[in-house]
Amino acid sequence: MEEFTYKPAADRLFGMVHIALNHEGGTVTVSGDGLPCTEIRRSAGTPLEGHVPIGTREQGGSP
């Protein structure tokens, strides 16, 4: 599955917000006019899951 870029959203506080999801790479990238570019990355070796509800994984992981 290739990278998916969501339609930019206008936020009253942060301006335009851009979100890109890369399933295979295990990353979510968020950037915007009033935001630093931030990337959330799946820990190495973590199996790809179709759906993981928030709060169902152990805390920790790599920094």
N, C-alpha and C. Protein backbone atom coordinates (compact mmCIF):
# COMPACT_ATOMS: atom_id res chain seq x y z
N MET A 1 0.85 -1.17 0.00
CA MET A 1 0.00 0.00 0.00
C MET A 1 0.90 1.24 0.00
N GLU A 2 0.63 2.18 -0.88
CA GLU A 2 1.50 3.35 -0.98
C GLU A 2 1.08 4.45 -0.01
N GLU A 3 1.92 5.48 0.06
CA GLU A 3 1.66 6.59 0.97
C GLU A 3 0.37 7.29 0.59
N PHE A 4 -0.37 7.72 1.61
CA PHE A 4 -1.64 8.41 1.40
C PHE A 4 -1.54 9.78 2.04
N THR A 5 -1.83 10.82 1.29
CA THR A 5 -1.82 12.18 1.81
C THR A 5 -3.26 12.66 1.90
N TYR A 6 -3.67 13.03 3.11
CA TYR A 6 -5.02 13.50 3.33
C TYR A 6 -5.18 14.93 2.81
N LYS A 7 -6.40 15.30 2.50
CA LYS A 7 -6.69 16.67 2.09
C LYS A 7 -6.33 17.60 3.25
N PRO A 8 -5.58 18.68 2.99
CA PRO A 8 -5.21 19.61 4.07
C PRO A 8 -6.45 20.16 4.77
N ALA A 9 -6.32 20.38 6.06
CA ALA A 9 -7.43 20.91 6.86
C ALA A 9 -7.05 22.26 7.43
N ALA A 10 -8.00 23.18 7.45
CA ALA A 10 -7.76 24.50 8.03
C ALA A 10 -8.12 24.47 9.51
N ASP A 11 -7.17 24.87 10.35
CA ASP A 11 -7.38 24.92 11.79
C ASP A 11 -7.25 26.38 12.23
N ARG A 12 -8.16 26.84 13.09
CA ARG A 12 -8.13 28.24 13.52
C ARG A 12 -6.86 28.61 14.26
N LEU A 13 -6.27 27.68 14.99
CA LEU A 13 -5.07 27.96 15.78
C LEU A 13 -3.78 27.74 14.98
N PHE A 14 -3.71 26.65 14.21
CA PHE A 14 -2.47 26.25 13.55
C PHE A 14 -2.41 26.53 12.04
N GLY A 15 -3.47 27.04 11.46
CA GLY A 15 -3.48 27.27 10.02
C GLY A 15 -3.72 25.97 9.27
N MET A 16 -3.15 25.85 8.08
CA MET A 16 -3.33 24.63 7.29
C MET A 16 -2.52 23.50 7.90
N VAL A 17 -3.15 22.34 8.05
CA VAL A 17 -2.51 21.15 8.63
C VAL A 17 -2.49 20.06 7.57
N HIS A 18 -1.32 19.45 7.37
CA HIS A 18 -1.13 18.40 6.37
C HIS A 18 -0.79 17.09 7.07
N ILE A 19 -1.41 15.99 6.64
CA ILE A 19 -1.17 14.67 7.24
C ILE A 19 -0.88 13.68 6.12
N ALA A 20 0.22 12.93 6.27
CA ALA A 20 0.58 11.89 5.31
C ALA A 20 0.78 10.58 6.07
N LEU A 21 0.22 9.51 5.55
CA LEU A 21 0.28 8.19 6.16
C LEU A 21 1.01 7.23 5.23
N ASN A 22 2.04 6.57 5.74
CA ASN A 22 2.79 5.59 4.95
C ASN A 22 2.64 4.24 5.66
N HIS A 23 1.75 3.40 5.15
CA HIS A 23 1.46 2.11 5.79
C HIS A 23 2.70 1.22 5.84
N GLU A 24 3.37 1.04 4.72
CA GLU A 24 4.51 0.13 4.67
C GLU A 24 5.69 0.65 5.48
N GLY A 25 5.93 1.96 5.43
CA GLY A 25 7.02 2.55 6.20
C GLY A 25 6.69 2.71 7.67
N GLY A 26 5.40 2.61 8.00
CA GLY A 26 4.98 2.71 9.39
C GLY A 26 5.11 4.11 9.96
N THR A 27 4.81 5.13 9.13
CA THR A 27 4.93 6.50 9.60
C THR A 27 3.67 7.31 9.36
N VAL A 28 3.46 8.28 10.24
CA VAL A 28 2.45 9.32 10.06
C VAL A 28 3.21 10.63 10.19
N THR A 29 3.08 11.51 9.20
CA THR A 29 3.76 12.80 9.23
C THR A 29 2.71 13.89 9.28
N VAL A 30 2.88 14.82 10.24
CA VAL A 30 1.97 15.95 10.39
C VAL A 30 2.79 17.22 10.27
N SER A 31 2.33 18.16 9.45
CA SER A 31 3.03 19.44 9.29
C SER A 31 1.99 20.52 9.03
N GLY A 32 2.41 21.76 9.11
CA GLY A 32 1.48 22.84 8.85
C GLY A 32 2.11 24.20 8.99
N ASP A 33 1.30 25.23 8.69
CA ASP A 33 1.76 26.61 8.75
C ASP A 33 2.28 26.97 10.15
N GLY A 34 1.57 26.57 11.19
CA GLY A 34 1.94 26.92 12.56
C GLY A 34 2.41 25.74 13.37
N LEU A 35 2.87 24.67 12.69
CA LEU A 35 3.31 23.45 13.37
C LEU A 35 4.69 23.05 12.90
N PRO A 36 5.53 22.53 13.80
CA PRO A 36 6.76 21.92 13.31
C PRO A 36 6.41 20.59 12.65
N CYS A 37 7.19 20.17 11.68
CA CYS A 37 6.96 18.88 11.03
C CYS A 37 7.26 17.78 12.04
N THR A 38 6.31 16.88 12.25
CA THR A 38 6.43 15.82 13.23
C THR A 38 6.15 14.48 12.57
N GLU A 39 6.97 13.48 12.89
CA GLU A 39 6.76 12.14 12.34
C GLU A 39 6.63 11.14 13.47
N ILE A 40 5.61 10.31 13.39
CA ILE A 40 5.42 9.21 14.34
C ILE A 40 5.77 7.95 13.57
N ARG A 41 6.65 7.13 14.16
CA ARG A 41 7.16 5.96 13.45
C ARG A 41 6.88 4.69 14.26
N ARG A 42 6.41 3.65 13.57
CA ARG A 42 6.17 2.34 14.18
C ARG A 42 7.53 1.74 14.58
N SER A 43 7.61 1.13 15.73
CA SER A 43 8.85 0.51 16.20
C SER A 43 9.28 -0.59 15.24
N ALA A 44 10.60 -0.69 15.02
CA ALA A 44 11.15 -1.72 14.14
C ALA A 44 10.72 -3.11 14.62
N GLY A 45 10.35 -3.96 13.68
CA GLY A 45 9.96 -5.33 14.02
C GLY A 45 8.51 -5.48 14.44
N THR A 46 7.78 -4.38 14.56
CA THR A 46 6.37 -4.45 14.94
C THR A 46 5.57 -4.93 13.74
N PRO A 47 4.75 -5.97 13.92
CA PRO A 47 3.97 -6.47 12.79
C PRO A 47 2.94 -5.45 12.32
N LEU A 48 2.68 -5.45 11.03
CA LEU A 48 1.67 -4.56 10.44
C LEU A 48 0.29 -5.09 10.82
N GLU A 49 -0.53 -4.22 11.38
CA GLU A 49 -1.88 -4.59 11.79
C GLU A 49 -2.89 -3.76 10.99
N GLY A 50 -4.03 -4.33 10.70
CA GLY A 50 -5.07 -3.61 9.98
C GLY A 50 -5.74 -2.55 10.84
N HIS A 51 -5.84 -2.80 12.14
CA HIS A 51 -6.48 -1.86 13.06
C HIS A 51 -5.94 -2.10 14.47
N VAL A 52 -5.41 -1.07 15.08
CA VAL A 52 -4.93 -1.16 16.46
C VAL A 52 -5.58 -0.01 17.24
N PRO A 53 -6.57 -0.31 18.08
CA PRO A 53 -7.22 0.74 18.84
C PRO A 53 -6.22 1.46 19.75
N ILE A 54 -6.38 2.75 19.90
CA ILE A 54 -5.49 3.55 20.74
C ILE A 54 -5.55 3.03 22.17
N GLY A 55 -4.36 2.90 22.78
CA GLY A 55 -4.27 2.48 24.17
C GLY A 55 -4.20 0.99 24.37
N THR A 56 -4.03 0.21 23.28
CA THR A 56 -4.02 -1.25 23.43
C THR A 56 -2.63 -1.86 23.36
N ARG A 57 -1.60 -1.03 23.22
CA ARG A 57 -0.23 -1.52 23.17
C ARG A 57 0.49 -1.12 24.46
N GLU A 58 1.51 -1.89 24.78
CA GLU A 58 2.31 -1.57 25.96
C GLU A 58 3.08 -0.26 25.75
N GLN A 59 3.25 0.50 26.82
CA GLN A 59 4.05 1.71 26.74
C GLN A 59 5.50 1.34 26.58
N GLY A 60 6.29 2.28 26.17
CA GLY A 60 7.71 2.01 26.01
C GLY A 60 8.11 2.25 24.58
N GLY A 61 8.57 1.22 23.93
CA GLY A 61 9.02 1.36 22.56
C GLY A 61 10.31 2.12 22.48
N SER A 62 10.74 2.40 21.28
CA SER A 62 11.99 3.12 21.12
C SER A 62 11.74 4.61 21.08
N PRO A 63 12.69 5.41 21.56
CA PRO A 63 12.50 6.86 21.59
C PRO A 63 12.52 7.47 20.21
